[in-house]
Amino acid sequence: MNTILIIAQILGYIGTALLAMSLVVSNELRFRWLNTFGCLIFIIYGILINAFPVVLTNGLLLAINGFYLYKIYQKHEIFDIITFDGEELLIKKFLQFYQQDILDHFPQFSSENTNGQIKFVVLRDLVIANIFIASLDEEGNALVKINYTVPKYRDFKIGKYIFDEEKKILMTKGAKTILYKNLTHKGHINFLRKMNFTSQEQNNSFSKKL
C-alpha cells in the first residue's frame, strides 16, 4: 500500500469519527463545526483516492454547514436577567427537569436549598437558558452554588453576558469577586477558563474579579 492510500485511509477514519461525533452533540454550533471539519477531511480524502462523488457530496454539505454557521453568528438574540426568591413554581420545575444534569455539574447543589443573596435566571429569546445562585460574604466574595446552562445554549454566550456584558447585575448586589470551589466537571472547568477565571489547581477552585 503506497503512502497516499495510507494517508487517505487515516483521513477517512478521522472524518468518520468527526461526523459521528457531530450527530451526538446537543449544541447546534458544535454540531455544525464538527460536521464542517468532517466534510473538509472527506473532501481531501476524495481527492486523494480520485472519488469525485465523495468530493461533490461533502462539498455540498460543507456549503450547507457554512450557510447555517453564518446564520448562527449573525443571529441577533435577546438576553435578559430576572431575579427570583426560590419559591416560584417555574424555578422548581426547571430544577426538577434538569436535575440529573445539574447534579453532574454541581453534585453538592440541592434543589431544596436555593438560599443565596444572588439569584437569577438568564432568558435567551424569552426561554430560561441559565440559573445562577451564589452566596455573598461581607468582603464581596460571591461563592457560586450553581451556574447551570441548559445543553442547547452552551456556546459561551451566556457566560460572556453574565460575567462581562452585564456584570453590573452582580456588582449591584455587592459582588466583587466570583468564586467557585471544588469543581469536578471538566466541561464547566473548561467554561471558566474560557471566561478568564484564575484557577487554583490544588482544590479545583476558580475566581474572577469583576
N, C-alpha and C. Protein backbone atom coordinates (compact mmCIF):
# COMPACT_ATOMS: atom_id res chain seq x y z
N MET A 1 0.86 -1.20 0.00
CA MET A 1 0.00 0.00 0.00
C MET A 1 0.89 1.24 0.00
N ASN A 2 0.66 2.16 -0.97
CA ASN A 2 1.52 3.33 -1.04
C ASN A 2 1.13 4.38 0.00
N THR A 3 1.98 5.40 0.11
CA THR A 3 1.83 6.42 1.16
C THR A 3 0.50 7.18 1.03
N ILE A 4 0.12 7.52 -0.20
CA ILE A 4 -1.12 8.29 -0.41
C ILE A 4 -2.33 7.52 0.08
N LEU A 5 -2.37 6.23 -0.20
CA LEU A 5 -3.51 5.42 0.23
C LEU A 5 -3.55 5.29 1.76
N ILE A 6 -2.38 5.21 2.37
CA ILE A 6 -2.33 5.14 3.84
C ILE A 6 -2.86 6.43 4.45
N ILE A 7 -2.41 7.57 3.89
CA ILE A 7 -2.90 8.87 4.37
C ILE A 7 -4.41 8.99 4.17
N ALA A 8 -4.88 8.55 3.01
CA ALA A 8 -6.32 8.62 2.71
C ALA A 8 -7.11 7.76 3.70
N GLN A 9 -6.59 6.60 4.01
CA GLN A 9 -7.28 5.71 4.94
C GLN A 9 -7.38 6.35 6.34
N ILE A 10 -6.28 6.96 6.79
CA ILE A 10 -6.27 7.62 8.10
C ILE A 10 -7.26 8.77 8.11
N LEU A 11 -7.26 9.57 7.04
CA LEU A 11 -8.20 10.69 6.95
C LEU A 11 -9.64 10.20 6.95
N GLY A 12 -9.88 9.07 6.30
CA GLY A 12 -11.23 8.51 6.26
C GLY A 12 -11.73 8.16 7.65
N TYR A 13 -10.85 7.58 8.45
CA TYR A 13 -11.23 7.23 9.83
C TYR A 13 -11.49 8.49 10.66
N ILE A 14 -10.62 9.50 10.49
CA ILE A 14 -10.79 10.75 11.25
C ILE A 14 -12.08 11.45 10.85
N GLY A 15 -12.34 11.52 9.54
CA GLY A 15 -13.57 12.15 9.06
C GLY A 15 -14.81 11.45 9.55
N THR A 16 -14.77 10.12 9.55
CA THR A 16 -15.90 9.33 10.05
C THR A 16 -16.15 9.62 11.53
N ALA A 17 -15.06 9.69 12.31
CA ALA A 17 -15.19 9.96 13.75
C ALA A 17 -15.81 11.34 13.99
N LEU A 18 -15.37 12.34 13.23
CA LEU A 18 -15.90 13.69 13.41
C LEU A 18 -17.38 13.76 13.05
N LEU A 19 -17.76 13.12 11.96
CA LEU A 19 -19.17 13.13 11.56
C LEU A 19 -20.02 12.39 12.58
N ALA A 20 -19.50 11.30 13.12
CA ALA A 20 -20.24 10.56 14.14
C ALA A 20 -20.40 11.39 15.40
N MET A 21 -19.34 12.08 15.80
CA MET A 21 -19.40 12.95 16.99
C MET A 21 -20.40 14.06 16.80
N SER A 22 -20.48 14.61 15.60
CA SER A 22 -21.40 15.72 15.35
C SER A 22 -22.86 15.31 15.54
N LEU A 23 -23.14 14.03 15.36
CA LEU A 23 -24.52 13.55 15.47
C LEU A 23 -24.96 13.33 16.91
N VAL A 24 -24.03 13.33 17.86
CA VAL A 24 -24.40 13.06 19.25
C VAL A 24 -24.32 14.29 20.14
N VAL A 25 -23.79 15.42 19.62
CA VAL A 25 -23.75 16.63 20.44
C VAL A 25 -25.11 17.31 20.42
N SER A 26 -25.44 17.99 21.50
CA SER A 26 -26.76 18.63 21.61
C SER A 26 -26.74 20.10 21.21
N ASN A 27 -25.54 20.67 21.10
CA ASN A 27 -25.40 22.07 20.76
C ASN A 27 -25.27 22.23 19.25
N GLU A 28 -26.10 23.10 18.65
CA GLU A 28 -26.11 23.24 17.19
C GLU A 28 -24.78 23.78 16.66
N LEU A 29 -24.17 24.71 17.40
CA LEU A 29 -22.91 25.28 16.94
C LEU A 29 -21.82 24.21 16.89
N ARG A 30 -21.74 23.38 17.92
CA ARG A 30 -20.75 22.31 17.92
C ARG A 30 -21.03 21.31 16.81
N PHE A 31 -22.32 21.01 16.59
CA PHE A 31 -22.69 20.09 15.51
C PHE A 31 -22.18 20.62 14.17
N ARG A 32 -22.42 21.89 13.90
CA ARG A 32 -22.03 22.47 12.61
C ARG A 32 -20.52 22.47 12.42
N TRP A 33 -19.78 22.82 13.47
CA TRP A 33 -18.32 22.86 13.33
C TRP A 33 -17.73 21.47 13.17
N LEU A 34 -18.18 20.50 13.97
CA LEU A 34 -17.69 19.13 13.83
C LEU A 34 -18.02 18.59 12.45
N ASN A 35 -19.23 18.86 11.99
CA ASN A 35 -19.65 18.39 10.68
C ASN A 35 -18.84 19.05 9.57
N THR A 36 -18.54 20.33 9.76
CA THR A 36 -17.73 21.06 8.78
C THR A 36 -16.34 20.47 8.66
N PHE A 37 -15.68 20.22 9.79
CA PHE A 37 -14.34 19.63 9.75
C PHE A 37 -14.37 18.22 9.16
N GLY A 38 -15.43 17.48 9.47
CA GLY A 38 -15.58 16.15 8.89
C GLY A 38 -15.70 16.21 7.38
N CYS A 39 -16.48 17.16 6.88
CA CYS A 39 -16.65 17.32 5.43
C CYS A 39 -15.33 17.72 4.76
N LEU A 40 -14.61 18.64 5.40
CA LEU A 40 -13.33 19.06 4.83
C LEU A 40 -12.36 17.89 4.69
N ILE A 41 -12.33 17.06 5.71
CA ILE A 41 -11.42 15.90 5.68
C ILE A 41 -11.85 14.93 4.59
N PHE A 42 -13.17 14.73 4.43
CA PHE A 42 -13.63 13.81 3.39
C PHE A 42 -13.42 14.37 1.99
N ILE A 43 -13.41 15.69 1.84
CA ILE A 43 -13.09 16.28 0.54
C ILE A 43 -11.63 15.96 0.17
N ILE A 44 -10.73 16.13 1.16
CA ILE A 44 -9.32 15.78 0.91
C ILE A 44 -9.20 14.28 0.63
N TYR A 45 -9.93 13.48 1.41
CA TYR A 45 -9.93 12.03 1.22
C TYR A 45 -10.38 11.67 -0.20
N GLY A 46 -11.44 12.31 -0.67
CA GLY A 46 -11.96 12.03 -2.01
C GLY A 46 -10.98 12.41 -3.10
N ILE A 47 -10.28 13.54 -2.88
CA ILE A 47 -9.29 13.97 -3.86
C ILE A 47 -8.13 12.97 -3.94
N LEU A 48 -7.70 12.48 -2.78
CA LEU A 48 -6.57 11.54 -2.74
C LEU A 48 -6.87 10.22 -3.44
N ILE A 49 -8.14 9.77 -3.33
CA ILE A 49 -8.47 8.48 -3.94
C ILE A 49 -9.23 8.65 -5.26
N ASN A 50 -9.29 9.92 -5.75
CA ASN A 50 -9.96 10.23 -7.02
C ASN A 50 -11.43 9.80 -7.02
N ALA A 51 -12.09 10.04 -5.90
CA ALA A 51 -13.52 9.71 -5.78
C ALA A 51 -14.32 11.00 -5.87
N PHE A 52 -14.71 11.39 -7.09
CA PHE A 52 -15.41 12.66 -7.30
C PHE A 52 -16.76 12.71 -6.58
N PRO A 53 -17.56 11.63 -6.54
CA PRO A 53 -18.83 11.70 -5.80
C PRO A 53 -18.64 12.05 -4.32
N VAL A 54 -17.56 11.55 -3.71
CA VAL A 54 -17.28 11.86 -2.31
C VAL A 54 -16.97 13.35 -2.16
N VAL A 55 -16.17 13.88 -3.09
CA VAL A 55 -15.82 15.30 -3.06
C VAL A 55 -17.07 16.16 -3.27
N LEU A 56 -17.91 15.78 -4.23
CA LEU A 56 -19.11 16.54 -4.54
C LEU A 56 -20.09 16.54 -3.36
N THR A 57 -20.35 15.36 -2.81
CA THR A 57 -21.30 15.24 -1.70
C THR A 57 -20.86 16.08 -0.49
N ASN A 58 -19.59 15.94 -0.12
CA ASN A 58 -19.09 16.66 1.04
C ASN A 58 -18.89 18.15 0.77
N GLY A 59 -18.67 18.49 -0.49
CA GLY A 59 -18.62 19.90 -0.86
C GLY A 59 -19.97 20.57 -0.66
N LEU A 60 -21.04 19.85 -1.06
CA LEU A 60 -22.40 20.38 -0.85
C LEU A 60 -22.72 20.51 0.64
N LEU A 61 -22.35 19.48 1.40
CA LEU A 61 -22.60 19.52 2.85
C LEU A 61 -21.79 20.64 3.51
N LEU A 62 -20.58 20.87 3.01
CA LEU A 62 -19.76 21.95 3.55
C LEU A 62 -20.41 23.30 3.31
N ALA A 63 -20.97 23.48 2.11
CA ALA A 63 -21.65 24.74 1.79
C ALA A 63 -22.88 24.94 2.69
N ILE A 64 -23.63 23.85 2.93
CA ILE A 64 -24.80 23.93 3.81
C ILE A 64 -24.39 24.30 5.23
N ASN A 65 -23.33 23.65 5.73
CA ASN A 65 -22.84 23.98 7.07
C ASN A 65 -22.38 25.43 7.15
N GLY A 66 -21.70 25.89 6.11
CA GLY A 66 -21.24 27.28 6.08
C GLY A 66 -22.40 28.25 6.14
N PHE A 67 -23.48 27.93 5.42
CA PHE A 67 -24.67 28.78 5.42
C PHE A 67 -25.28 28.88 6.81
N TYR A 68 -25.42 27.73 7.48
CA TYR A 68 -26.03 27.73 8.82
C TYR A 68 -25.11 28.33 9.88
N LEU A 69 -23.80 28.16 9.72
CA LEU A 69 -22.86 28.82 10.64
C LEU A 69 -22.96 30.33 10.51
N TYR A 70 -23.10 30.80 9.28
CA TYR A 70 -23.26 32.24 9.05
C TYR A 70 -24.53 32.74 9.74
N LYS A 71 -25.62 31.98 9.62
CA LYS A 71 -26.87 32.38 10.25
C LYS A 71 -26.75 32.39 11.77
N ILE A 72 -26.05 31.40 12.31
CA ILE A 72 -25.87 31.33 13.77
C ILE A 72 -25.11 32.55 14.27
N TYR A 73 -24.02 32.90 13.59
CA TYR A 73 -23.19 34.01 14.06
C TYR A 73 -23.82 35.37 13.78
N GLN A 74 -24.72 35.44 12.81
CA GLN A 74 -25.38 36.69 12.50
C GLN A 74 -26.69 36.88 13.27
N LYS A 75 -27.17 35.81 13.89
CA LYS A 75 -28.45 35.87 14.59
C LYS A 75 -28.38 36.82 15.78
N HIS A 76 -29.37 37.69 15.86
CA HIS A 76 -29.46 38.63 16.98
C HIS A 76 -30.40 38.05 18.03
N GLU A 77 -29.85 37.74 19.19
CA GLU A 77 -30.65 37.17 20.26
C GLU A 77 -30.84 38.20 21.37
N ILE A 78 -31.95 38.07 22.07
CA ILE A 78 -32.25 38.96 23.18
C ILE A 78 -31.99 38.24 24.49
N PHE A 79 -31.11 38.80 25.32
CA PHE A 79 -30.81 38.25 26.63
C PHE A 79 -31.43 39.14 27.70
N ASP A 80 -31.84 38.52 28.78
CA ASP A 80 -32.39 39.28 29.89
C ASP A 80 -32.15 38.51 31.19
N ILE A 81 -32.13 39.23 32.30
CA ILE A 81 -31.94 38.63 33.62
C ILE A 81 -33.15 38.93 34.49
N ILE A 82 -33.67 37.88 35.12
CA ILE A 82 -34.80 38.04 36.04
C ILE A 82 -34.43 37.40 37.38
N THR A 83 -34.54 38.17 38.44
CA THR A 83 -34.23 37.65 39.77
C THR A 83 -35.42 36.84 40.29
N PHE A 84 -35.17 35.97 41.25
CA PHE A 84 -36.23 35.17 41.86
C PHE A 84 -35.92 34.96 43.33
N ASP A 85 -36.91 34.49 44.10
CA ASP A 85 -36.69 34.29 45.53
C ASP A 85 -36.56 32.82 45.91
N GLY A 86 -36.81 31.91 44.97
CA GLY A 86 -36.61 30.49 45.22
C GLY A 86 -37.87 29.68 45.41
N GLU A 87 -38.99 30.35 45.58
CA GLU A 87 -40.24 29.63 45.82
C GLU A 87 -41.12 29.54 44.57
N GLU A 88 -40.71 30.16 43.50
CA GLU A 88 -41.52 30.15 42.30
C GLU A 88 -41.66 28.74 41.72
N LEU A 89 -42.85 28.40 41.30
CA LEU A 89 -43.12 27.08 40.75
C LEU A 89 -42.30 26.82 39.49
N LEU A 90 -42.13 27.85 38.65
CA LEU A 90 -41.37 27.68 37.41
C LEU A 90 -39.92 27.32 37.69
N ILE A 91 -39.34 27.93 38.71
CA ILE A 91 -37.96 27.63 39.09
C ILE A 91 -37.85 26.19 39.57
N LYS A 92 -38.79 25.77 40.38
CA LYS A 92 -38.78 24.40 40.89
C LYS A 92 -38.93 23.39 39.75
N LYS A 93 -39.80 23.70 38.80
CA LYS A 93 -39.98 22.82 37.64
C LYS A 93 -38.71 22.74 36.80
N PHE A 94 -38.05 23.87 36.63
CA PHE A 94 -36.80 23.92 35.86
C PHE A 94 -35.74 23.05 36.52
N LEU A 95 -35.56 23.21 37.84
CA LEU A 95 -34.56 22.43 38.57
C LEU A 95 -34.90 20.95 38.55
N GLN A 96 -36.18 20.63 38.61
CA GLN A 96 -36.60 19.23 38.59
C GLN A 96 -36.35 18.60 37.22
N PHE A 97 -36.63 19.34 36.17
CA PHE A 97 -36.49 18.82 34.81
C PHE A 97 -35.02 18.51 34.48
N TYR A 98 -34.11 19.40 34.92
CA TYR A 98 -32.69 19.22 34.61
C TYR A 98 -31.90 18.66 35.80
N GLN A 99 -32.59 18.02 36.71
CA GLN A 99 -31.98 17.58 37.96
C GLN A 99 -30.72 16.75 37.78
N GLN A 100 -30.77 15.73 36.94
CA GLN A 100 -29.62 14.84 36.79
C GLN A 100 -28.43 15.55 36.18
N ASP A 101 -28.66 16.35 35.16
CA ASP A 101 -27.55 17.08 34.53
C ASP A 101 -26.98 18.12 35.48
N ILE A 102 -27.84 18.73 36.27
CA ILE A 102 -27.37 19.69 37.27
C ILE A 102 -26.45 19.00 38.28
N LEU A 103 -26.85 17.83 38.74
CA LEU A 103 -26.03 17.08 39.70
C LEU A 103 -24.70 16.65 39.11
N ASP A 104 -24.69 16.39 37.81
CA ASP A 104 -23.43 16.04 37.15
C ASP A 104 -22.45 17.21 37.19
N HIS A 105 -22.98 18.43 37.04
CA HIS A 105 -22.14 19.62 37.02
C HIS A 105 -21.88 20.17 38.42
N PHE A 106 -22.91 20.11 39.28
CA PHE A 106 -22.82 20.66 40.64
C PHE A 106 -23.34 19.63 41.63
N PRO A 107 -22.54 18.60 41.91
CA PRO A 107 -23.00 17.49 42.76
C PRO A 107 -23.38 17.91 44.18
N GLN A 108 -22.86 19.04 44.65
CA GLN A 108 -23.16 19.48 46.01
C GLN A 108 -24.40 20.36 46.09
N PHE A 109 -24.99 20.67 44.94
CA PHE A 109 -26.16 21.53 44.93
C PHE A 109 -27.42 20.73 45.23
N SER A 110 -28.30 21.32 46.03
CA SER A 110 -29.59 20.71 46.34
C SER A 110 -30.71 21.64 45.90
N SER A 111 -31.64 21.12 45.12
CA SER A 111 -32.76 21.93 44.65
C SER A 111 -33.68 22.34 45.79
N GLU A 112 -33.51 21.68 46.94
CA GLU A 112 -34.31 22.03 48.12
C GLU A 112 -33.72 23.23 48.85
N ASN A 113 -32.49 23.58 48.50
CA ASN A 113 -31.82 24.70 49.16
C ASN A 113 -31.36 25.70 48.12
N THR A 114 -32.20 26.67 47.85
CA THR A 114 -31.87 27.71 46.87
C THR A 114 -31.57 29.03 47.57
N ASN A 115 -31.06 28.95 48.80
CA ASN A 115 -30.71 30.16 49.53
C ASN A 115 -29.50 30.83 48.89
N GLY A 116 -29.47 32.14 48.95
CA GLY A 116 -28.35 32.89 48.40
C GLY A 116 -28.75 34.33 48.18
N GLN A 117 -27.78 35.23 48.33
CA GLN A 117 -28.09 36.64 48.15
C GLN A 117 -28.21 37.03 46.68
N ILE A 118 -27.63 36.22 45.81
CA ILE A 118 -27.71 36.49 44.37
C ILE A 118 -28.41 35.32 43.70
N LYS A 119 -29.58 35.59 43.14
CA LYS A 119 -30.36 34.53 42.49
C LYS A 119 -31.06 35.11 41.27
N PHE A 120 -30.76 34.54 40.12
CA PHE A 120 -31.44 35.00 38.90
C PHE A 120 -31.41 33.91 37.83
N VAL A 121 -32.28 34.08 36.86
CA VAL A 121 -32.25 33.24 35.66
C VAL A 121 -31.93 34.14 34.47
N VAL A 122 -31.29 33.56 33.48
CA VAL A 122 -31.00 34.27 32.24
C VAL A 122 -31.96 33.78 31.17
N LEU A 123 -32.66 34.71 30.56
CA LEU A 123 -33.56 34.38 29.45
C LEU A 123 -32.83 34.63 28.14
N ARG A 124 -33.03 33.71 27.23
CA ARG A 124 -32.46 33.85 25.88
C ARG A 124 -33.62 33.74 24.90
N ASP A 125 -33.99 34.86 24.32
CA ASP A 125 -35.20 34.93 23.50
C ASP A 125 -36.40 34.40 24.28
N LEU A 126 -36.53 34.88 25.52
CA LEU A 126 -37.65 34.58 26.43
C LEU A 126 -37.71 33.12 26.88
N VAL A 127 -36.64 32.37 26.69
CA VAL A 127 -36.55 30.99 27.16
C VAL A 127 -35.53 30.94 28.30
N ILE A 128 -35.87 30.25 29.40
CA ILE A 128 -34.92 30.11 30.50
C ILE A 128 -33.76 29.26 30.03
N ALA A 129 -32.58 29.88 29.99
CA ALA A 129 -31.40 29.19 29.49
C ALA A 129 -30.37 28.93 30.58
N ASN A 130 -30.48 29.64 31.69
CA ASN A 130 -29.46 29.53 32.74
C ASN A 130 -30.07 29.89 34.09
N ILE A 131 -29.56 29.24 35.14
CA ILE A 131 -29.92 29.61 36.50
C ILE A 131 -28.64 29.84 37.30
N PHE A 132 -28.62 30.91 38.07
CA PHE A 132 -27.42 31.32 38.80
C PHE A 132 -27.79 31.61 40.24
N ILE A 133 -27.10 30.96 41.19
CA ILE A 133 -27.29 31.20 42.61
C ILE A 133 -25.93 31.30 43.28
N ALA A 134 -25.74 32.33 44.08
CA ALA A 134 -24.47 32.50 44.79
C ALA A 134 -24.72 33.12 46.16
N SER A 135 -23.90 32.72 47.12
CA SER A 135 -23.93 33.34 48.44
C SER A 135 -22.85 34.40 48.50
N LEU A 136 -23.08 35.44 49.28
CA LEU A 136 -22.19 36.60 49.31
C LEU A 136 -21.70 36.86 50.73
N ASP A 137 -20.38 37.05 50.89
CA ASP A 137 -19.86 37.38 52.21
C ASP A 137 -19.62 38.88 52.33
N GLU A 138 -19.16 39.32 53.49
CA GLU A 138 -19.00 40.75 53.76
C GLU A 138 -17.91 41.39 52.92
N GLU A 139 -16.99 40.60 52.41
CA GLU A 139 -15.89 41.14 51.61
C GLU A 139 -16.22 41.20 50.12
N GLY A 140 -17.43 40.80 49.76
CA GLY A 140 -17.83 40.85 48.37
C GLY A 140 -17.48 39.63 47.56
N ASN A 141 -17.17 38.52 48.25
CA ASN A 141 -16.89 37.27 47.54
C ASN A 141 -18.19 36.52 47.31
N ALA A 142 -18.52 36.32 46.05
CA ALA A 142 -19.74 35.60 45.69
C ALA A 142 -19.39 34.15 45.39
N LEU A 143 -19.74 33.25 46.30
CA LEU A 143 -19.46 31.83 46.13
C LEU A 143 -20.60 31.19 45.35
N VAL A 144 -20.31 30.71 44.16
CA VAL A 144 -21.34 30.18 43.27
C VAL A 144 -21.78 28.80 43.73
N LYS A 145 -23.07 28.66 43.95
CA LYS A 145 -23.66 27.35 44.27
C LYS A 145 -24.05 26.62 42.99
N ILE A 146 -24.55 27.39 42.04
CA ILE A 146 -24.93 26.81 40.75
C ILE A 146 -24.90 27.91 39.68
N ASN A 147 -24.34 27.57 38.55
CA ASN A 147 -24.40 28.42 37.36
C ASN A 147 -24.61 27.46 36.20
N TYR A 148 -25.86 27.04 36.04
CA TYR A 148 -26.18 25.95 35.13
C TYR A 148 -26.84 26.49 33.86
N THR A 149 -26.28 26.11 32.73
CA THR A 149 -26.85 26.45 31.43
C THR A 149 -27.36 25.19 30.76
N VAL A 150 -28.54 25.23 30.20
CA VAL A 150 -29.10 24.05 29.55
C VAL A 150 -28.24 23.69 28.34
N PRO A 151 -28.17 22.40 27.99
CA PRO A 151 -27.25 21.94 26.94
C PRO A 151 -27.36 22.70 25.61
N LYS A 152 -28.55 23.07 25.23
CA LYS A 152 -28.77 23.73 23.94
C LYS A 152 -28.01 25.04 23.81
N TYR A 153 -27.77 25.71 24.94
CA TYR A 153 -27.19 27.06 24.89
C TYR A 153 -25.76 27.13 25.41
N ARG A 154 -25.03 26.04 25.39
CA ARG A 154 -23.66 26.04 25.90
C ARG A 154 -22.67 26.45 24.82
N ASP A 155 -22.76 27.70 24.41
CA ASP A 155 -21.86 28.24 23.40
C ASP A 155 -21.08 29.44 23.93
N PHE A 156 -21.04 29.59 25.26
CA PHE A 156 -20.28 30.62 25.97
C PHE A 156 -20.92 32.01 25.91
N LYS A 157 -22.01 32.18 25.16
CA LYS A 157 -22.64 33.50 25.07
C LYS A 157 -23.23 33.92 26.40
N ILE A 158 -23.84 32.99 27.12
CA ILE A 158 -24.45 33.33 28.41
C ILE A 158 -23.37 33.69 29.42
N GLY A 159 -22.26 32.96 29.41
CA GLY A 159 -21.15 33.29 30.32
C GLY A 159 -20.62 34.69 30.07
N LYS A 160 -20.44 35.05 28.82
CA LYS A 160 -19.97 36.39 28.49
C LYS A 160 -21.00 37.44 28.90
N TYR A 161 -22.27 37.09 28.77
CA TYR A 161 -23.33 38.02 29.15
C TYR A 161 -23.31 38.26 30.66
N ILE A 162 -23.17 37.20 31.45
CA ILE A 162 -23.20 37.33 32.92
C ILE A 162 -21.94 38.01 33.44
N PHE A 163 -20.78 37.55 33.01
CA PHE A 163 -19.53 37.98 33.63
C PHE A 163 -18.88 39.19 32.96
N ASP A 164 -19.34 39.56 31.78
CA ASP A 164 -18.74 40.70 31.08
C ASP A 164 -19.77 41.78 30.76
N GLU A 165 -20.71 41.45 29.90
CA GLU A 165 -21.65 42.46 29.41
C GLU A 165 -22.57 42.99 30.51
N GLU A 166 -23.05 42.11 31.39
CA GLU A 166 -23.99 42.52 32.43
C GLU A 166 -23.45 42.24 33.83
N LYS A 167 -22.15 42.35 34.00
CA LYS A 167 -21.59 42.10 35.33
C LYS A 167 -22.04 43.12 36.36
N LYS A 168 -22.59 44.23 35.89
CA LYS A 168 -23.12 45.24 36.82
C LYS A 168 -24.25 44.66 37.66
N ILE A 169 -24.96 43.65 37.14
CA ILE A 169 -26.01 43.00 37.92
C ILE A 169 -25.42 42.37 39.16
N LEU A 170 -24.26 41.73 39.00
CA LEU A 170 -23.57 41.12 40.12
C LEU A 170 -23.00 42.19 41.05
N MET A 171 -22.46 43.24 40.46
CA MET A 171 -21.83 44.28 41.25
C MET A 171 -22.83 45.06 42.09
N THR A 172 -24.03 45.28 41.56
CA THR A 172 -25.05 46.00 42.33
C THR A 172 -25.51 45.19 43.54
N LYS A 173 -25.30 43.87 43.50
CA LYS A 173 -25.62 43.02 44.64
C LYS A 173 -24.50 43.03 45.69
N GLY A 174 -23.39 43.67 45.35
CA GLY A 174 -22.26 43.74 46.27
C GLY A 174 -21.12 42.80 45.93
N ALA A 175 -21.23 42.08 44.83
CA ALA A 175 -20.18 41.12 44.45
C ALA A 175 -18.97 41.85 43.88
N LYS A 176 -17.79 41.47 44.35
CA LYS A 176 -16.53 41.99 43.83
C LYS A 176 -15.71 40.89 43.16
N THR A 177 -15.84 39.69 43.69
CA THR A 177 -15.12 38.55 43.15
C THR A 177 -16.06 37.35 43.06
N ILE A 178 -16.03 36.64 41.93
CA ILE A 178 -16.83 35.43 41.76
C ILE A 178 -15.95 34.23 42.07
N LEU A 179 -16.44 33.34 42.95
CA LEU A 179 -15.66 32.20 43.38
C LEU A 179 -16.37 30.88 43.08
N TYR A 180 -15.61 29.90 42.66
CA TYR A 180 -16.07 28.52 42.52
C TYR A 180 -15.14 27.65 43.35
N LYS A 181 -15.68 26.66 44.06
CA LYS A 181 -14.85 25.76 44.84
C LYS A 181 -15.21 24.31 44.55
N ASN A 182 -14.17 23.47 44.58
CA ASN A 182 -14.31 22.01 44.48
C ASN A 182 -15.08 21.57 43.23
N LEU A 183 -14.75 22.17 42.10
CA LEU A 183 -15.39 21.76 40.85
C LEU A 183 -14.80 20.44 40.37
N THR A 184 -15.65 19.61 39.77
CA THR A 184 -15.19 18.32 39.26
C THR A 184 -15.55 18.11 37.79
N HIS A 185 -16.53 18.85 37.28
CA HIS A 185 -16.98 18.63 35.91
C HIS A 185 -16.03 19.32 34.92
N LYS A 186 -15.43 18.53 34.05
CA LYS A 186 -14.43 19.05 33.11
C LYS A 186 -15.01 20.10 32.17
N GLY A 187 -16.25 19.91 31.76
CA GLY A 187 -16.88 20.87 30.86
C GLY A 187 -17.02 22.23 31.50
N HIS A 188 -17.43 22.24 32.77
CA HIS A 188 -17.60 23.53 33.44
C HIS A 188 -16.25 24.17 33.77
N ILE A 189 -15.26 23.36 34.08
CA ILE A 189 -13.92 23.89 34.30
C ILE A 189 -13.39 24.54 33.03
N ASN A 190 -13.61 23.90 31.89
CA ASN A 190 -13.20 24.47 30.61
C ASN A 190 -13.94 25.78 30.34
N PHE A 191 -15.22 25.83 30.71
CA PHE A 191 -16.01 27.05 30.55
C PHE A 191 -15.41 28.20 31.34
N LEU A 192 -15.04 27.96 32.59
CA LEU A 192 -14.47 29.01 33.43
C LEU A 192 -13.14 29.50 32.89
N ARG A 193 -12.36 28.60 32.34
CA ARG A 193 -11.09 29.02 31.73
C ARG A 193 -11.35 29.91 30.53
N LYS A 194 -12.37 29.58 29.76
CA LYS A 194 -12.75 30.41 28.62
C LYS A 194 -13.20 31.79 29.08
N MET A 195 -13.78 31.87 30.28
CA MET A 195 -14.27 33.13 30.84
C MET A 195 -13.17 33.88 31.60
N ASN A 196 -11.93 33.40 31.48
CA ASN A 196 -10.76 34.05 32.09
C ASN A 196 -10.78 34.03 33.62
N PHE A 197 -11.28 32.95 34.20
CA PHE A 197 -11.18 32.76 35.64
C PHE A 197 -9.77 32.27 35.97
N THR A 198 -9.27 32.67 37.13
CA THR A 198 -7.98 32.21 37.62
C THR A 198 -8.17 30.94 38.42
N SER A 199 -7.37 29.93 38.15
CA SER A 199 -7.57 28.63 38.81
C SER A 199 -6.55 28.40 39.92
N GLN A 200 -7.00 27.63 40.91
CA GLN A 200 -6.13 27.13 41.97
C GLN A 200 -6.24 25.61 41.92
N GLU A 201 -5.30 24.98 41.25
CA GLU A 201 -5.41 23.57 40.90
C GLU A 201 -5.50 22.64 42.11
N GLN A 202 -4.93 23.06 43.25
CA GLN A 202 -4.88 22.14 44.38
C GLN A 202 -6.26 21.76 44.91
N ASN A 203 -7.24 22.63 44.74
CA ASN A 203 -8.58 22.29 45.22
C ASN A 203 -9.66 22.58 44.16
N ASN A 204 -9.24 22.66 42.90
CA ASN A 204 -10.18 22.91 41.81
C ASN A 204 -11.06 24.12 42.07
N SER A 205 -10.44 25.19 42.56
CA SER A 205 -11.15 26.44 42.80
C SER A 205 -10.82 27.45 41.71
N PHE A 206 -11.77 28.33 41.44
CA PHE A 206 -11.59 29.35 40.40
C PHE A 206 -12.14 30.67 40.92
N SER A 207 -11.54 31.76 40.46
CA SER A 207 -12.00 33.08 40.88
C SER A 207 -11.83 34.09 39.75
N LYS A 208 -12.66 35.13 39.82
CA LYS A 208 -12.55 36.21 38.84
C LYS A 208 -13.03 37.50 39.48
N LYS A 209 -12.21 38.54 39.37
CA LYS A 209 -12.59 39.85 39.90
C LYS A 209 -13.45 40.58 38.88
N LEU A 210 -14.48 41.24 39.35
CA LEU A 210 -15.39 41.96 38.47
C LEU A 210 -14.88 43.39 38.22
